[in-house]
Amino acid sequence: MPLREKLDTDLKNAMRAKDELRKLVIRSLLSSMNYAEIAKQKKLDDAGIIEVIGKEIKQRKESIEAYAAGHRQDLV
């Protein structure tokens, strides 16, 4: 099963289970994937999707480090 289909299925399951955190994360990933597709002007394959997910993970880690260094535990 392609990764995009898996994410779509996981989103539907999260919505059925009323799992707000999982739903928020998957929607965020799908949004980032759509922006990447618009920028590249083509559909992403699984490797491209994994690249987008890696960027999102890196961005979140950097944000956590920045907020932790700034003593903003409420935002971490």
C-alpha atoms as a PDB file:
ATOM      1  CA  MET A   1       0.000   0.000   0.000  1.00  0.00           C
ATOM      2  CA  PRO A   2       1.438   3.376  -0.973  1.00  0.00           C
ATOM      3  CA  LEU A   3       2.329   5.678   1.890  1.00  0.00           C
ATOM      4  CA  ARG A   4      -0.224   8.356   0.951  1.00  0.00           C
ATOM      5  CA  GLU A   5      -3.048   5.793   1.031  1.00  0.00           C
ATOM      6  CA  LYS A   6      -1.803   4.542   4.404  1.00  0.00           C
ATOM      7  CA  LEU A   7      -1.864   8.082   5.807  1.00  0.00           C
ATOM      8  CA  ASP A   8      -5.369   8.660   4.437  1.00  0.00           C
ATOM      9  CA  THR A   9      -6.565   5.415   6.045  1.00  0.00           C
ATOM     10  CA  ASP A  10      -4.876   6.300   9.332  1.00  0.00           C
ATOM     11  CA  LEU A  11      -6.538   9.725   9.274  1.00  0.00           C
ATOM     12  CA  LYS A  12      -9.975   8.159   8.811  1.00  0.00           C
ATOM     13  CA  ASN A  13      -9.310   5.715  11.645  1.00  0.00           C
ATOM     14  CA  ALA A  14      -8.148   8.530  13.939  1.00  0.00           C
ATOM     15  CA  MET A  15     -11.281  10.513  13.166  1.00  0.00           C
ATOM     16  CA  ARG A  16     -13.491   7.491  13.906  1.00  0.00           C
ATOM     17  CA  ALA A  17     -11.633   6.851  17.173  1.00  0.00           C
ATOM     18  CA  LYS A  18     -11.784  10.573  18.065  1.00  0.00           C
ATOM     19  CA  ASP A  19      -8.004  10.572  18.536  1.00  0.00           C
ATOM     20  CA  GLU A  20      -7.395  14.323  18.235  1.00  0.00           C
ATOM     21  CA  LEU A  21      -3.590  14.233  18.531  1.00  0.00           C
ATOM     22  CA  ARG A  22      -3.151  11.583  15.832  1.00  0.00           C
ATOM     23  CA  LYS A  23      -5.637  13.407  13.595  1.00  0.00           C
ATOM     24  CA  LEU A  24      -3.781  16.702  14.035  1.00  0.00           C
ATOM     25  CA  VAL A  25      -0.394  15.143  13.240  1.00  0.00           C
ATOM     26  CA  ILE A  26      -1.604  13.311  10.140  1.00  0.00           C
ATOM     27  CA  ARG A  27      -3.417  16.386   8.813  1.00  0.00           C
ATOM     28  CA  SER A  28      -0.273  18.422   9.343  1.00  0.00           C
ATOM     29  CA  LEU A  29       1.768  15.868   7.393  1.00  0.00           C
ATOM     30  CA  LEU A  30      -0.757  15.757   4.559  1.00  0.00           C
ATOM     31  CA  SER A  31      -0.726  19.537   4.387  1.00  0.00           C
ATOM     32  CA  SER A  32       3.069  19.620   4.204  1.00  0.00           C
ATOM     33  CA  MET A  33       2.983  16.963   1.510  1.00  0.00           C
ATOM     34  CA  ASN A  34       0.519  19.033  -0.527  1.00  0.00           C
ATOM     35  CA  TYR A  35       2.742  22.121  -0.244  1.00  0.00           C
ATOM     36  CA  ALA A  36       5.737  20.077  -1.385  1.00  0.00           C
ATOM     37  CA  GLU A  37       3.762  18.768  -4.370  1.00  0.00           C
ATOM     38  CA  ILE A  38       2.765  22.301  -5.328  1.00  0.00           C
ATOM     39  CA  ALA A  39       6.368  23.483  -5.053  1.00  0.00           C
ATOM     40  CA  LYS A  40       7.686  20.591  -7.168  1.00  0.00           C
ATOM     41  CA  GLN A  41       4.663  20.648  -9.473  1.00  0.00           C
ATOM     42  CA  LYS A  42       4.330  16.867  -9.393  1.00  0.00           C
ATOM     43  CA  LYS A  43       2.958  14.118  -7.180  1.00  0.00           C
ATOM     44  CA  LEU A  44       5.319  12.821  -4.512  1.00  0.00           C
ATOM     45  CA  ASP A  45       6.349   9.202  -4.506  1.00  0.00           C
ATOM     46  CA  ASP A  46       7.021   7.301  -1.270  1.00  0.00           C
ATOM     47  CA  ALA A  47      10.615   8.569  -1.133  1.00  0.00           C
ATOM     48  CA  GLY A  48       9.413  12.157  -1.470  1.00  0.00           C
ATOM     49  CA  ILE A  49       6.830  11.624   1.258  1.00  0.00           C
ATOM     50  CA  ILE A  50       9.475  10.206   3.587  1.00  0.00           C
ATOM     51  CA  GLU A  51      11.643  13.244   2.843  1.00  0.00           C
ATOM     52  CA  VAL A  52       8.778  15.584   3.817  1.00  0.00           C
ATOM     53  CA  ILE A  53       8.164  13.604   7.021  1.00  0.00           C
ATOM     54  CA  GLY A  54      11.875  13.840   7.859  1.00  0.00           C
ATOM     55  CA  LYS A  55      11.809  17.620   7.371  1.00  0.00           C
ATOM     56  CA  GLU A  56       8.783  17.924   9.646  1.00  0.00           C
ATOM     57  CA  ILE A  57      10.446  15.819  12.347  1.00  0.00           C
ATOM     58  CA  LYS A  58      13.612  17.928  12.141  1.00  0.00           C
ATOM     59  CA  GLN A  59      11.595  21.149  12.340  1.00  0.00           C
ATOM     60  CA  ARG A  60       9.711  19.939  15.437  1.00  0.00           C
ATOM     61  CA  LYS A  61      12.931  18.868  17.178  1.00  0.00           C
ATOM     62  CA  GLU A  62      14.530  22.254  16.500  1.00  0.00           C
ATOM     63  CA  SER A  63      11.451  24.019  17.874  1.00  0.00           C
ATOM     64  CA  ILE A  64      11.533  21.926  21.037  1.00  0.00           C
ATOM     65  CA  GLU A  65      15.217  22.708  21.543  1.00  0.00           C
ATOM     66  CA  ALA A  66      14.656  26.436  20.963  1.00  0.00           C
ATOM     67  CA  TYR A  67      11.770  26.623  23.421  1.00  0.00           C
ATOM     68  CA  ALA A  68      13.634  24.530  26.002  1.00  0.00           C
ATOM     69  CA  ALA A  69      16.668  26.812  25.729  1.00  0.00           C
ATOM     70  CA  GLY A  70      14.432  29.847  26.150  1.00  0.00           C
ATOM     71  CA  HIS A  71      12.870  28.351  29.296  1.00  0.00           C
ATOM     72  CA  ARG A  72       9.434  28.140  27.699  1.00  0.00           C
ATOM     73  CA  GLN A  73       8.312  24.801  29.125  1.00  0.00           C
ATOM     74  CA  ASP A  74       4.687  25.672  28.389  1.00  0.00           C
ATOM     75  CA  LEU A  75       5.508  25.620  24.650  1.00  0.00           C
ATOM     76  CA  VAL A  76       7.802  22.600  24.687  1.00  0.00           C
END
